[in-house]
N, C-alpha and C. Protein backbone atom coordinates (compact mmCIF):
# COMPACT_ATOMS: atom_id res chain seq x y z
N UNK A 1 3.09 22.34 4.12
CA UNK A 1 3.55 21.02 3.72
C UNK A 1 2.34 20.22 3.26
N UNK A 2 2.43 19.63 2.11
CA UNK A 2 1.37 18.74 1.66
C UNK A 2 1.75 17.31 1.99
N UNK A 3 0.77 16.43 2.01
CA UNK A 3 1.04 15.03 2.32
C UNK A 3 2.09 14.47 1.35
N UNK A 4 3.00 13.68 1.90
CA UNK A 4 4.05 13.09 1.06
C UNK A 4 4.12 11.60 1.36
N UNK A 5 3.90 10.78 0.35
CA UNK A 5 3.97 9.34 0.52
C UNK A 5 5.42 8.96 0.77
N UNK A 6 5.65 8.25 1.89
CA UNK A 6 6.97 7.76 2.20
C UNK A 6 7.18 6.38 1.61
N UNK A 7 6.16 5.53 1.77
CA UNK A 7 6.31 4.14 1.34
C UNK A 7 4.93 3.51 1.20
N UNK A 8 4.78 2.66 0.19
CA UNK A 8 3.58 1.86 0.02
C UNK A 8 4.00 0.41 -0.10
N UNK A 9 3.50 -0.43 0.80
CA UNK A 9 3.88 -1.84 0.80
C UNK A 9 3.14 -2.60 -0.30
N UNK A 10 3.62 -3.80 -0.57
CA UNK A 10 3.01 -4.62 -1.61
C UNK A 10 1.57 -5.01 -1.26
N UNK A 11 1.22 -4.98 0.03
CA UNK A 11 -0.15 -5.33 0.43
C UNK A 11 -1.07 -4.11 0.49
N UNK A 12 -0.54 -2.93 0.16
CA UNK A 12 -1.37 -1.73 0.10
C UNK A 12 -1.31 -0.82 1.30
N UNK A 13 -0.58 -1.18 2.35
CA UNK A 13 -0.40 -0.26 3.47
C UNK A 13 0.40 0.94 2.98
N UNK A 14 0.08 2.13 3.50
CA UNK A 14 0.80 3.33 3.12
C UNK A 14 1.25 4.10 4.36
N UNK A 15 2.43 4.69 4.26
CA UNK A 15 2.96 5.59 5.28
C UNK A 15 3.21 6.91 4.60
N UNK A 16 2.71 7.98 5.22
CA UNK A 16 2.84 9.31 4.64
C UNK A 16 3.37 10.29 5.68
N UNK A 17 4.09 11.28 5.24
CA UNK A 17 4.50 12.39 6.09
C UNK A 17 3.44 13.46 5.92
N UNK A 18 2.77 13.82 7.02
CA UNK A 18 1.64 14.76 6.98
C UNK A 18 1.70 15.68 8.19
N UNK A 19 0.77 16.61 8.24
CA UNK A 19 0.56 17.40 9.45
C UNK A 19 -0.65 16.81 10.17
N UNK A 20 -0.51 16.62 11.48
CA UNK A 20 -1.61 16.07 12.27
C UNK A 20 -2.80 17.02 12.19
N UNK A 21 -4.00 16.48 11.95
CA UNK A 21 -5.15 17.36 11.78
C UNK A 21 -5.49 18.21 13.01
N UNK A 22 -5.18 17.73 14.21
CA UNK A 22 -5.52 18.50 15.41
C UNK A 22 -4.42 19.46 15.83
N UNK A 23 -3.16 19.00 15.78
CA UNK A 23 -2.06 19.82 16.30
C UNK A 23 -1.27 20.55 15.22
N UNK A 24 -1.44 20.15 13.97
CA UNK A 24 -0.72 20.71 12.85
C UNK A 24 0.78 20.43 12.90
N UNK A 25 1.22 19.50 13.74
CA UNK A 25 2.63 19.13 13.80
C UNK A 25 2.92 18.02 12.79
N UNK A 26 4.15 17.96 12.27
CA UNK A 26 4.50 16.89 11.33
C UNK A 26 4.47 15.52 12.03
N UNK A 27 3.85 14.55 11.39
CA UNK A 27 3.74 13.19 11.90
C UNK A 27 3.77 12.22 10.73
N UNK A 28 3.91 10.94 11.07
CA UNK A 28 3.77 9.88 10.07
C UNK A 28 2.35 9.33 10.19
N UNK A 29 1.68 9.28 9.07
CA UNK A 29 0.32 8.74 9.01
C UNK A 29 0.39 7.34 8.41
N UNK A 30 -0.15 6.36 9.12
CA UNK A 30 -0.20 4.99 8.59
C UNK A 30 -1.62 4.69 8.16
N UNK A 31 -1.78 4.36 6.89
CA UNK A 31 -3.07 3.96 6.35
C UNK A 31 -3.00 2.48 6.01
N UNK A 32 -3.63 1.62 6.84
CA UNK A 32 -3.61 0.19 6.52
C UNK A 32 -4.42 -0.08 5.26
N UNK A 33 -4.13 -1.21 4.62
CA UNK A 33 -4.88 -1.54 3.41
C UNK A 33 -6.34 -1.80 3.76
N UNK A 34 -7.19 -1.67 2.78
CA UNK A 34 -8.63 -1.77 3.00
C UNK A 34 -9.04 -3.14 3.54
N UNK A 35 -8.37 -4.19 3.12
CA UNK A 35 -8.73 -5.55 3.54
C UNK A 35 -8.40 -5.84 5.00
N UNK A 36 -7.46 -5.11 5.58
CA UNK A 36 -7.05 -5.40 6.96
C UNK A 36 -8.07 -4.90 7.98
N UNK A 37 -8.88 -3.95 7.60
CA UNK A 37 -9.88 -3.41 8.53
C UNK A 37 -9.30 -2.51 9.59
N UNK A 38 -7.99 -2.25 9.51
CA UNK A 38 -7.35 -1.38 10.50
C UNK A 38 -7.72 0.07 10.29
N UNK A 39 -7.45 0.86 11.31
CA UNK A 39 -7.75 2.29 11.25
C UNK A 39 -6.49 3.09 11.00
N UNK A 40 -6.66 4.21 10.36
CA UNK A 40 -5.56 5.14 10.13
C UNK A 40 -5.03 5.62 11.47
N UNK A 41 -3.70 5.70 11.58
CA UNK A 41 -3.10 6.19 12.82
C UNK A 41 -2.06 7.25 12.50
N UNK A 42 -1.82 8.12 13.48
CA UNK A 42 -0.82 9.18 13.37
C UNK A 42 0.24 8.90 14.42
N UNK A 43 1.52 8.91 14.00
CA UNK A 43 2.63 8.54 14.88
C UNK A 43 3.64 9.68 14.90
N UNK A 44 4.00 10.12 16.10
CA UNK A 44 5.03 11.15 16.26
C UNK A 44 6.30 10.63 15.59
N UNK A 45 7.02 11.49 14.89
CA UNK A 45 8.16 11.07 14.08
C UNK A 45 9.23 10.36 14.90
N UNK A 46 9.58 10.89 16.05
CA UNK A 46 10.60 10.25 16.89
C UNK A 46 10.18 8.86 17.32
N UNK A 47 8.93 8.71 17.73
CA UNK A 47 8.41 7.40 18.14
C UNK A 47 8.41 6.43 16.97
N UNK A 48 8.01 6.91 15.81
CA UNK A 48 8.00 6.07 14.61
C UNK A 48 9.39 5.52 14.34
N UNK A 49 10.41 6.36 14.44
CA UNK A 49 11.77 5.91 14.17
C UNK A 49 12.31 5.01 15.27
N UNK A 50 11.98 5.30 16.52
CA UNK A 50 12.45 4.46 17.63
C UNK A 50 11.83 3.07 17.61
N UNK A 51 10.59 2.97 17.17
CA UNK A 51 9.87 1.71 17.27
C UNK A 51 10.17 0.72 16.15
N UNK A 52 11.09 1.00 15.28
CA UNK A 52 11.40 0.02 14.25
C UNK A 52 12.07 0.60 13.03
N UNK A 53 13.18 1.24 13.22
CA UNK A 53 13.83 1.96 12.12
C UNK A 53 14.43 1.05 11.05
N UNK A 54 14.18 -0.24 11.10
CA UNK A 54 14.74 -1.13 10.08
C UNK A 54 13.77 -1.43 8.95
N UNK A 55 12.53 -1.05 9.07
CA UNK A 55 11.55 -1.31 8.02
C UNK A 55 11.75 -0.38 6.84
N UNK A 56 11.26 -0.76 5.66
CA UNK A 56 11.44 0.09 4.49
C UNK A 56 10.75 1.45 4.63
N UNK A 57 9.65 1.50 5.39
CA UNK A 57 8.97 2.78 5.60
C UNK A 57 9.81 3.71 6.46
N UNK A 58 10.56 3.13 7.40
CA UNK A 58 11.45 3.92 8.25
C UNK A 58 12.66 4.42 7.44
N UNK A 59 13.19 3.54 6.62
CA UNK A 59 14.33 3.92 5.79
C UNK A 59 13.94 5.02 4.81
N UNK A 60 12.70 4.97 4.31
CA UNK A 60 12.24 6.01 3.39
C UNK A 60 12.20 7.37 4.07
N UNK A 61 11.76 7.41 5.33
CA UNK A 61 11.75 8.68 6.07
C UNK A 61 13.17 9.16 6.33
N UNK A 62 14.06 8.25 6.73
CA UNK A 62 15.45 8.64 6.96
C UNK A 62 16.10 9.16 5.68
N UNK A 63 15.79 8.52 4.54
CA UNK A 63 16.33 9.00 3.26
C UNK A 63 15.81 10.39 2.93
N UNK A 64 14.54 10.63 3.19
CA UNK A 64 13.96 11.96 2.95
C UNK A 64 14.66 13.01 3.83
N UNK A 65 14.84 12.69 5.08
CA UNK A 65 15.54 13.61 5.99
C UNK A 65 16.95 13.88 5.48
N UNK A 66 17.61 12.83 4.97
CA UNK A 66 18.97 12.98 4.44
C UNK A 66 19.05 13.94 3.27
N UNK A 67 17.97 14.06 2.51
CA UNK A 67 17.99 14.98 1.36
C UNK A 67 17.99 16.44 1.80
N UNK A 68 17.66 16.68 3.07
CA UNK A 68 17.58 18.05 3.58
C UNK A 68 18.93 18.56 4.07
N UNK A 69 19.91 17.67 4.12
CA UNK A 69 21.23 18.02 4.65
C UNK A 69 22.22 18.13 3.48
N UNK A 70 22.88 19.24 3.40
CA UNK A 70 23.88 19.42 2.34
C UNK A 70 25.12 18.63 2.66
N UNK A 71 25.75 18.15 1.60
CA UNK A 71 27.00 17.40 1.80
C UNK A 71 28.18 18.33 1.92
């Protein structure tokens, strides 16, 4: 799996679906914009969805998951 951009906010924050560099498990990677000074973080997919599934970045992941299911 290669990195896949889920969502990029208007302020430059990015959320990507990636493999964690240490465990090789699928996770959501949050890259804050350069001006915020924040650090990149890796979030387990279930935790990411539980902690705020109403944001556009969460909806983008749910939409991606939905494409994997046949109608």
